[in-house]
Amino acid sequence: ARLSRAGIPCAQVPVGFRGLRVTTRRLVRTAHAIGMQVHVWTINDTVRMEHLLDLGVDGIMTDNVTGLREVLERRGLWHPRGLAA
């Protein structure tokens, strides 16, 4: 909550760290409740992307842009805003 009050708009986190799961449904709900987005890095597997989107994450950083685009297109969430196809 202190980060949100300080104007920090998002938390950029890994899925896990040292064997502990970081990105959970609870983390996403809590962040959203205080007005913050959750961005997860670095996700290259499309199945994991699907799972994270199901949790409600707001952003996914990836080296597999084509895979992320396919996932977002299937969900009707791909909005390139003037980017070339």
PDB file of N, CA and C in Angstrom:
ATOM      1  N   ALA A   1       0.831  -1.193   0.000  1.00  0.00           N
ATOM      2  CA  ALA A   1       0.000   0.000   0.000  1.00  0.00           C
ATOM      3  C   ALA A   1       0.873   1.254   0.000  1.00  0.00           C
ATOM      4  N   ARG A   2       1.995   1.204   0.701  1.00  0.00           N
ATOM      5  CA  ARG A   2       2.906   2.353   0.754  1.00  0.00           C
ATOM      6  C   ARG A   2       3.428   2.687  -0.644  1.00  0.00           C
ATOM      7  N   LEU A   3       3.725   1.668  -1.456  1.00  0.00           N
ATOM      8  CA  LEU A   3       4.194   1.898  -2.825  1.00  0.00           C
ATOM      9  C   LEU A   3       3.119   2.562  -3.664  1.00  0.00           C
ATOM     10  N   SER A   4       1.896   2.095  -3.531  1.00  0.00           N
ATOM     11  CA  SER A   4       0.788   2.683  -4.280  1.00  0.00           C
ATOM     12  C   SER A   4       0.586   4.148  -3.899  1.00  0.00           C
ATOM     13  N   ARG A   5       0.619   4.433  -2.606  1.00  0.00           N
ATOM     14  CA  ARG A   5       0.466   5.818  -2.147  1.00  0.00           C
ATOM     15  C   ARG A   5       1.595   6.704  -2.647  1.00  0.00           C
ATOM     16  N   ALA A   6       2.750   6.113  -2.882  1.00  0.00           N
ATOM     17  CA  ALA A   6       3.903   6.872  -3.384  1.00  0.00           C
ATOM     18  C   ALA A   6       3.824   7.088  -4.888  1.00  0.00           C
ATOM     19  N   GLY A   7       2.757   6.565  -5.516  1.00  0.00           N
ATOM     20  CA  GLY A   7       2.576   6.774  -6.939  1.00  0.00           C
ATOM     21  C   GLY A   7       3.222   5.725  -7.824  1.00  0.00           C
ATOM     22  N   ILE A   8       3.667   4.627  -7.243  1.00  0.00           N
ATOM     23  CA  ILE A   8       4.253   3.548  -8.035  1.00  0.00           C
ATOM     24  C   ILE A   8       3.106   2.733  -8.614  1.00  0.00           C
ATOM     25  N   PRO A   9       2.989   2.699  -9.958  1.00  0.00           N
ATOM     26  CA  PRO A   9       1.803   2.131 -10.592  1.00  0.00           C
ATOM     27  C   PRO A   9       1.769   0.618 -10.706  1.00  0.00           C
ATOM     28  N   CYS A  10       2.939  -0.040 -10.579  1.00  0.00           N
ATOM     29  CA  CYS A  10       2.896  -1.489 -10.767  1.00  0.00           C
ATOM     30  C   CYS A  10       4.028  -2.186 -10.030  1.00  0.00           C
ATOM     31  N   ALA A  11       3.804  -3.465  -9.802  1.00  0.00           N
ATOM     32  CA  ALA A  11       4.840  -4.341  -9.261  1.00  0.00           C
ATOM     33  C   ALA A  11       5.298  -5.228 -10.411  1.00  0.00           C
ATOM     34  N   GLN A  12       6.581  -5.267 -10.666  1.00  0.00           N
ATOM     35  CA  GLN A  12       7.136  -6.137 -11.697  1.00  0.00           C
ATOM     36  C   GLN A  12       7.879  -7.245 -10.975  1.00  0.00           C
ATOM     37  N   VAL A  13       7.353  -8.458 -11.094  1.00  0.00           N
ATOM     38  CA  VAL A  13       7.822  -9.568 -10.266  1.00  0.00           C
ATOM     39  C   VAL A  13       8.077 -10.821 -11.091  1.00  0.00           C
ATOM     40  N   PRO A  14       8.908 -11.725 -10.569  1.00  0.00           N
ATOM     41  CA  PRO A  14       9.064 -13.030 -11.205  1.00  0.00           C
ATOM     42  C   PRO A  14       7.924 -13.944 -10.759  1.00  0.00           C
ATOM     43  N   VAL A  15       7.772 -15.067 -11.432  1.00  0.00           N
ATOM     44  CA  VAL A  15       6.789 -16.063 -10.996  1.00  0.00           C
ATOM     45  C   VAL A  15       7.192 -16.612  -9.641  1.00  0.00           C
ATOM     46  N   GLY A  16       8.486 -16.849  -9.476  1.00  0.00           N
ATOM     47  CA  GLY A  16       8.982 -17.385  -8.217  1.00  0.00           C
ATOM     48  C   GLY A  16      10.383 -16.894  -7.929  1.00  0.00           C
ATOM     49  N   PHE A  17      10.810 -17.100  -6.694  1.00  0.00           N
ATOM     50  CA  PHE A  17      12.155 -16.694  -6.289  1.00  0.00           C
ATOM     51  C   PHE A  17      12.643 -17.652  -5.215  1.00  0.00           C
ATOM     52  N   ARG A  18      13.773 -18.291  -5.491  1.00  0.00           N
ATOM     53  CA  ARG A  18      14.385 -19.232  -4.548  1.00  0.00           C
ATOM     54  C   ARG A  18      13.414 -20.287  -4.032  1.00  0.00           C
ATOM     55  N   GLY A  19      12.643 -20.835  -4.957  1.00  0.00           N
ATOM     56  CA  GLY A  19      11.722 -21.906  -4.618  1.00  0.00           C
ATOM     57  C   GLY A  19      10.384 -21.464  -4.055  1.00  0.00           C
ATOM     58  N   LEU A  20      10.191 -20.175  -3.882  1.00  0.00           N
ATOM     59  CA  LEU A  20       8.915 -19.663  -3.373  1.00  0.00           C
ATOM     60  C   LEU A  20       8.120 -19.046  -4.510  1.00  0.00           C
ATOM     61  N   ARG A  21       6.837 -19.330  -4.553  1.00  0.00           N
ATOM     62  CA  ARG A  21       5.982 -18.727  -5.560  1.00  0.00           C
ATOM     63  C   ARG A  21       5.706 -17.279  -5.177  1.00  0.00           C
ATOM     64  N   VAL A  22       5.992 -16.374  -6.096  1.00  0.00           N
ATOM     65  CA  VAL A  22       5.772 -14.943  -5.858  1.00  0.00           C
ATOM     66  C   VAL A  22       4.435 -14.517  -6.458  1.00  0.00           C
ATOM     67  N   THR A  23       4.208 -14.882  -7.703  1.00  0.00           N
ATOM     68  CA  THR A  23       3.005 -14.447  -8.403  1.00  0.00           C
ATOM     69  C   THR A  23       1.864 -15.404  -8.090  1.00  0.00           C
ATOM     70  N   THR A  24       0.995 -14.981  -7.202  1.00  0.00           N
ATOM     71  CA  THR A  24      -0.150 -15.781  -6.780  1.00  0.00           C
ATOM     72  C   THR A  24      -1.430 -14.976  -6.990  1.00  0.00           C
ATOM     73  N   ARG A  25      -2.543 -15.666  -6.942  1.00  0.00           N
ATOM     74  CA  ARG A  25      -3.837 -14.986  -7.048  1.00  0.00           C
ATOM     75  C   ARG A  25      -3.976 -13.947  -5.933  1.00  0.00           C
ATOM     76  N   ARG A  26      -3.495 -14.288  -4.750  1.00  0.00           N
ATOM     77  CA  ARG A  26      -3.576 -13.361  -3.612  1.00  0.00           C
ATOM     78  C   ARG A  26      -2.763 -12.095  -3.869  1.00  0.00           C
ATOM     79  N   LEU A  27      -1.548 -12.249  -4.405  1.00  0.00           N
ATOM     80  CA  LEU A  27      -0.729 -11.077  -4.718  1.00  0.00           C
ATOM     81  C   LEU A  27      -1.438 -10.183  -5.723  1.00  0.00           C
ATOM     82  N   VAL A  28      -1.992 -10.799  -6.769  1.00  0.00           N
ATOM     83  CA  VAL A  28      -2.672 -10.018  -7.804  1.00  0.00           C
ATOM     84  C   VAL A  28      -3.887  -9.301  -7.216  1.00  0.00           C
ATOM     85  N   ARG A  29      -4.690  -9.993  -6.438  1.00  0.00           N
ATOM     86  CA  ARG A  29      -5.866  -9.370  -5.807  1.00  0.00           C
ATOM     87  C   ARG A  29      -5.476  -8.221  -4.892  1.00  0.00           C
ATOM     88  N   THR A  30      -4.450  -8.431  -4.099  1.00  0.00           N
ATOM     89  CA  THR A  30      -4.006  -7.399  -3.168  1.00  0.00           C
ATOM     90  C   THR A  30      -3.492  -6.176  -3.914  1.00  0.00           C
ATOM     91  N   ALA A  31      -2.677  -6.407  -4.931  1.00  0.00           N
ATOM     92  CA  ALA A  31      -2.146  -5.294  -5.725  1.00  0.00           C
ATOM     93  C   ALA A  31      -3.280  -4.516  -6.373  1.00  0.00           C
ATOM     94  N   HIS A  32      -4.228  -5.217  -6.960  1.00  0.00           N
ATOM     95  CA  HIS A  32      -5.353  -4.546  -7.612  1.00  0.00           C
ATOM     96  C   HIS A  32      -6.190  -3.764  -6.598  1.00  0.00           C
ATOM     97  N   ALA A  33      -6.337  -4.309  -5.400  1.00  0.00           N
ATOM     98  CA  ALA A  33      -7.135  -3.638  -4.374  1.00  0.00           C
ATOM     99  C   ALA A  33      -6.537  -2.296  -3.961  1.00  0.00           C
ATOM    100  N   ILE A  34      -5.217  -2.164  -4.096  1.00  0.00           N
ATOM    101  CA  ILE A  34      -4.578  -0.896  -3.717  1.00  0.00           C
ATOM    102  C   ILE A  34      -4.216  -0.057  -4.945  1.00  0.00           C
ATOM    103  N   GLY A  35      -4.728  -0.468  -6.101  1.00  0.00           N
ATOM    104  CA  GLY A  35      -4.560   0.330  -7.311  1.00  0.00           C
ATOM    105  C   GLY A  35      -3.292   0.088  -8.098  1.00  0.00           C
ATOM    106  N   MET A  36      -2.636  -1.034  -7.858  1.00  0.00           N
ATOM    107  CA  MET A  36      -1.407  -1.343  -8.590  1.00  0.00           C
ATOM    108  C   MET A  36      -1.633  -2.468  -9.591  1.00  0.00           C
ATOM    109  N   GLN A  37      -0.913  -2.399 -10.687  1.00  0.00           N
ATOM    110  CA  GLN A  37      -0.894  -3.482 -11.657  1.00  0.00           C
ATOM    111  C   GLN A  37       0.216  -4.459 -11.286  1.00  0.00           C
ATOM    112  N   VAL A  38       0.117  -5.675 -11.846  1.00  0.00           N
ATOM    113  CA  VAL A  38       1.147  -6.698 -11.648  1.00  0.00           C
ATOM    114  C   VAL A  38       1.666  -7.111 -13.018  1.00  0.00           C
ATOM    115  N   HIS A  39       2.970  -6.958 -13.211  1.00  0.00           N
ATOM    116  CA  HIS A  39       3.646  -7.387 -14.429  1.00  0.00           C
ATOM    117  C   HIS A  39       4.613  -8.502 -14.054  1.00  0.00           C
ATOM    118  N   VAL A  40       4.629  -9.567 -14.842  1.00  0.00           N
ATOM    119  CA  VAL A  40       5.450 -10.734 -14.510  1.00  0.00           C
ATOM    120  C   VAL A  40       6.533 -10.917 -15.561  1.00  0.00           C
ATOM    121  N   TRP A  41       7.723 -11.327 -15.130  1.00  0.00           N
ATOM    122  CA  TRP A  41       8.840 -11.539 -16.040  1.00  0.00           C
ATOM    123  C   TRP A  41       9.512 -12.861 -15.750  1.00  0.00           C
ATOM    124  N   THR A  42      10.292 -13.318 -16.578  1.00  0.00           N
ATOM    125  CA  THR A  42      10.254 -13.347 -18.039  1.00  0.00           C
ATOM    126  C   THR A  42       9.580 -14.654 -18.412  1.00  0.00           C
ATOM    127  N   ILE A  43       8.433 -14.572 -19.055  1.00  0.00           N
ATOM    128  CA  ILE A  43       7.598 -15.731 -19.327  1.00  0.00           C
ATOM    129  C   ILE A  43       7.638 -16.031 -20.823  1.00  0.00           C
ATOM    130  N   ASN A  44       8.198 -17.184 -21.179  1.00  0.00           N
ATOM    131  CA  ASN A  44       8.320 -17.545 -22.587  1.00  0.00           C
ATOM    132  C   ASN A  44       7.418 -18.706 -22.980  1.00  0.00           C
ATOM    133  N   ASP A  45       6.828 -19.374 -22.022  1.00  0.00           N
ATOM    134  CA  ASP A  45       5.965 -20.526 -22.268  1.00  0.00           C
ATOM    135  C   ASP A  45       4.508 -20.074 -22.347  1.00  0.00           C
ATOM    136  N   THR A  46       3.828 -20.427 -23.449  1.00  0.00           N
ATOM    137  CA  THR A  46       2.453 -19.951 -23.641  1.00  0.00           C
ATOM    138  C   THR A  46       1.477 -20.546 -22.629  1.00  0.00           C
ATOM    139  N   VAL A  47       1.708 -21.749 -22.165  1.00  0.00           N
ATOM    140  CA  VAL A  47       0.821 -22.332 -21.145  1.00  0.00           C
ATOM    141  C   VAL A  47       0.919 -21.532 -19.855  1.00  0.00           C
ATOM    142  N   ARG A  48       2.130 -21.145 -19.498  1.00  0.00           N
ATOM    143  CA  ARG A  48       2.312 -20.328 -18.290  1.00  0.00           C
ATOM    144  C   ARG A  48       1.695 -18.950 -18.482  1.00  0.00           C
ATOM    145  N   MET A  49       1.818 -18.399 -19.703  1.00  0.00           N
ATOM    146  CA  MET A  49       1.185 -17.103 -19.990  1.00  0.00           C
ATOM    147  C   MET A  49      -0.312 -17.191 -19.742  1.00  0.00           C
ATOM    148  N   GLU A  50      -0.932 -18.261 -20.254  1.00  0.00           N
ATOM    149  CA  GLU A  50      -2.375 -18.469 -20.074  1.00  0.00           C
ATOM    150  C   GLU A  50      -2.720 -18.500 -18.585  1.00  0.00           C
ATOM    151  N   HIS A  51      -1.953 -19.258 -17.822  1.00  0.00           N
ATOM    152  CA  HIS A  51      -2.214 -19.390 -16.385  1.00  0.00           C
ATOM    153  C   HIS A  51      -2.113 -18.030 -15.682  1.00  0.00           C
ATOM    154  N   LEU A  52      -1.081 -17.270 -16.014  1.00  0.00           N
ATOM    155  CA  LEU A  52      -0.896 -15.968 -15.374  1.00  0.00           C
ATOM    156  C   LEU A  52      -2.015 -15.001 -15.737  1.00  0.00           C
ATOM    157  N   LEU A  53      -2.453 -15.034 -16.982  1.00  0.00           N
ATOM    158  CA  LEU A  53      -3.583 -14.187 -17.376  1.00  0.00           C
ATOM    159  C   LEU A  53      -4.848 -14.616 -16.638  1.00  0.00           C
ATOM    160  N   ASP A  54      -5.005 -15.919 -16.422  1.00  0.00           N
ATOM    161  CA  ASP A  54      -6.149 -16.406 -15.633  1.00  0.00           C
ATOM    162  C   ASP A  54      -6.082 -15.884 -14.195  1.00  0.00           C
ATOM    163  N   LEU A  55      -4.866 -15.696 -13.667  1.00  0.00           N
ATOM    164  CA  LEU A  55      -4.714 -15.132 -12.320  1.00  0.00           C
ATOM    165  C   LEU A  55      -5.056 -13.649 -12.285  1.00  0.00           C
ATOM    166  N   GLY A  56      -5.008 -13.002 -13.463  1.00  0.00           N
ATOM    167  CA  GLY A  56      -5.358 -11.593 -13.532  1.00  0.00           C
ATOM    168  C   GLY A  56      -4.189 -10.641 -13.681  1.00  0.00           C
ATOM    169  N   VAL A  57      -2.988 -11.172 -14.007  1.00  0.00           N
ATOM    170  CA  VAL A  57      -1.854 -10.256 -14.173  1.00  0.00           C
ATOM    171  C   VAL A  57      -2.153  -9.265 -15.290  1.00  0.00           C
ATOM    172  N   ASP A  58      -1.547  -8.109 -15.188  1.00  0.00           N
ATOM    173  CA  ASP A  58      -1.795  -7.020 -16.130  1.00  0.00           C
ATOM    174  C   ASP A  58      -0.772  -6.949 -17.247  1.00  0.00           C
ATOM    175  N   GLY A  59       0.381  -7.555 -17.056  1.00  0.00           N
ATOM    176  CA  GLY A  59       1.419  -7.500 -18.070  1.00  0.00           C
ATOM    177  C   GLY A  59       2.335  -8.697 -17.979  1.00  0.00           C
ATOM    178  N   ILE A  60       2.847  -9.105 -19.133  1.00  0.00           N
ATOM    179  CA  ILE A  60       3.790 -10.216 -19.204  1.00  0.00           C
ATOM    180  C   ILE A  60       4.981  -9.763 -20.033  1.00  0.00           C
ATOM    181  N   MET A  61       6.153  -9.838 -19.450  1.00  0.00           N
ATOM    182  CA  MET A  61       7.383  -9.569 -20.195  1.00  0.00           C
ATOM    183  C   MET A  61       7.889 -10.911 -20.725  1.00  0.00           C
ATOM    184  N   THR A  62       8.296 -10.912 -21.998  1.00  0.00           N
ATOM    185  CA  THR A  62       8.662 -12.160 -22.637  1.00  0.00           C
ATOM    186  C   THR A  62       9.694 -11.956 -23.727  1.00  0.00           C
ATOM    187  N   ASP A  63      10.403 -13.031 -24.046  1.00  0.00           N
ATOM    188  CA  ASP A  63      11.251 -13.074 -25.233  1.00  0.00           C
ATOM    189  C   ASP A  63      10.484 -13.724 -26.376  1.00  0.00           C
ATOM    190  N   ASN A  64       9.317 -14.299 -26.075  1.00  0.00           N
ATOM    191  CA  ASN A  64       8.476 -15.002 -27.049  1.00  0.00           C
ATOM    192  C   ASN A  64       7.284 -14.115 -27.419  1.00  0.00           C
ATOM    193  N   VAL A  65       7.571 -13.040 -28.127  1.00  0.00           N
ATOM    194  CA  VAL A  65       6.528 -12.073 -28.471  1.00  0.00           C
ATOM    195  C   VAL A  65       5.455 -12.706 -29.350  1.00  0.00           C
ATOM    196  N   THR A  66       5.858 -13.563 -30.265  1.00  0.00           N
ATOM    197  CA  THR A  66       4.894 -14.234 -31.141  1.00  0.00           C
ATOM    198  C   THR A  66       3.940 -15.099 -30.321  1.00  0.00           C
ATOM    199  N   GLY A  67       4.469 -15.837 -29.373  1.00  0.00           N
ATOM    200  CA  GLY A  67       3.626 -16.678 -28.526  1.00  0.00           C
ATOM    201  C   GLY A  67       2.664 -15.854 -27.695  1.00  0.00           C
ATOM    202  N   LEU A  68       3.153 -14.749 -27.109  1.00  0.00           N
ATOM    203  CA  LEU A  68       2.282 -13.880 -26.317  1.00  0.00           C
ATOM    204  C   LEU A  68       1.193 -13.277 -27.191  1.00  0.00           C
ATOM    205  N   ARG A  69       1.568 -12.858 -28.381  1.00  0.00           N
ATOM    206  CA  ARG A  69       0.566 -12.293 -29.284  1.00  0.00           C
ATOM    207  C   ARG A  69      -0.526 -13.320 -29.598  1.00  0.00           C
ATOM    208  N   GLU A  70      -0.133 -14.557 -29.864  1.00  0.00           N
ATOM    209  CA  GLU A  70      -1.118 -15.606 -30.150  1.00  0.00           C
ATOM    210  C   GLU A  70      -2.057 -15.824 -28.963  1.00  0.00           C
ATOM    211  N   VAL A  71      -1.502 -15.849 -27.758  1.00  0.00           N
ATOM    212  CA  VAL A  71      -2.318 -16.015 -26.551  1.00  0.00           C
ATOM    213  C   VAL A  71      -3.293 -14.849 -26.418  1.00  0.00           C
ATOM    214  N   LEU A  72      -2.795 -13.638 -26.582  1.00  0.00           N
ATOM    215  CA  LEU A  72      -3.656 -12.461 -26.441  1.00  0.00           C
ATOM    216  C   LEU A  72      -4.707 -12.391 -27.539  1.00  0.00           C
ATOM    217  N   GLU A  73      -4.337 -12.776 -28.761  1.00  0.00           N
ATOM    218  CA  GLU A  73      -5.321 -12.788 -29.856  1.00  0.00           C
ATOM    219  C   GLU A  73      -6.446 -13.770 -29.564  1.00  0.00           C
ATOM    220  N   ARG A  74      -6.101 -14.974 -29.071  1.00  0.00           N
ATOM    221  CA  ARG A  74      -7.135 -15.973 -28.744  1.00  0.00           C
ATOM    222  C   ARG A  74      -8.104 -15.444 -27.691  1.00  0.00           C
ATOM    223  N   ARG A  75      -7.626 -14.607 -26.813  1.00  0.00           N
ATOM    224  CA  ARG A  75      -8.455 -14.062 -25.738  1.00  0.00           C
ATOM    225  C   ARG A  75      -9.122 -12.743 -26.120  1.00  0.00           C
ATOM    226  N   GLY A  76      -8.849 -12.278 -27.338  1.00  0.00           N
ATOM    227  CA  GLY A  76      -9.413 -11.001 -27.762  1.00  0.00           C
ATOM    228  C   GLY A  76      -8.771  -9.815 -27.066  1.00  0.00           C
ATOM    229  N   LEU A  77      -7.536  -9.979 -26.632  1.00  0.00           N
ATOM    230  CA  LEU A  77      -6.847  -8.946 -25.867  1.00  0.00           C
ATOM    231  C   LEU A  77      -5.701  -8.288 -26.624  1.00  0.00           C
ATOM    232  N   TRP A  78      -5.478  -8.653 -27.864  1.00  0.00           N
ATOM    233  CA  TRP A  78      -4.381  -8.065 -28.628  1.00  0.00           C
ATOM    234  C   TRP A  78      -4.852  -6.758 -29.228  1.00  0.00           C
ATOM    235  N   HIS A  79      -4.297  -5.660 -28.761  1.00  0.00           N
ATOM    236  CA  HIS A  79      -4.634  -4.330 -29.240  1.00  0.00           C
ATOM    237  C   HIS A  79      -3.333  -3.586 -29.527  1.00  0.00           C
ATOM    238  N   PRO A  80      -2.780  -3.737 -30.731  1.00  0.00           N
ATOM    239  CA  PRO A  80      -1.454  -3.205 -31.026  1.00  0.00           C
ATOM    240  C   PRO A  80      -1.329  -1.689 -31.110  1.00  0.00           C
ATOM    241  N   ARG A  81      -2.416  -0.954 -31.189  1.00  0.00           N
ATOM    242  CA  ARG A  81      -2.376   0.521 -31.216  1.00  0.00           C
ATOM    243  C   ARG A  81      -1.405   1.057 -32.271  1.00  0.00           C
ATOM    244  N   GLY A  82      -1.646   0.677 -33.505  1.00  0.00           N
ATOM    245  CA  GLY A  82      -0.865   1.236 -34.594  1.00  0.00           C
ATOM    246  C   GLY A  82       0.430   0.520 -34.894  1.00  0.00           C
ATOM    247  N   LEU A  83       0.734  -0.569 -34.190  1.00  0.00           N
ATOM    248  CA  LEU A  83       1.945  -1.321 -34.484  1.00  0.00           C
ATOM    249  C   LEU A  83       1.758  -2.106 -35.770  1.00  0.00           C
ATOM    250  N   ALA A  84       2.813  -2.279 -36.515  1.00  0.00           N
ATOM    251  CA  ALA A  84       2.751  -3.076 -37.748  1.00  0.00           C
ATOM    252  C   ALA A  84       2.529  -4.530 -37.399  1.00  0.00           C
ATOM    253  N   ALA A  85       1.774  -5.220 -38.230  1.00  0.00           N
ATOM    254  CA  ALA A  85       1.485  -6.641 -37.974  1.00  0.00           C
ATOM    255  C   ALA A  85       2.690  -7.499 -38.248  1.00  0.00           C
TER     256      ALA A  85
END
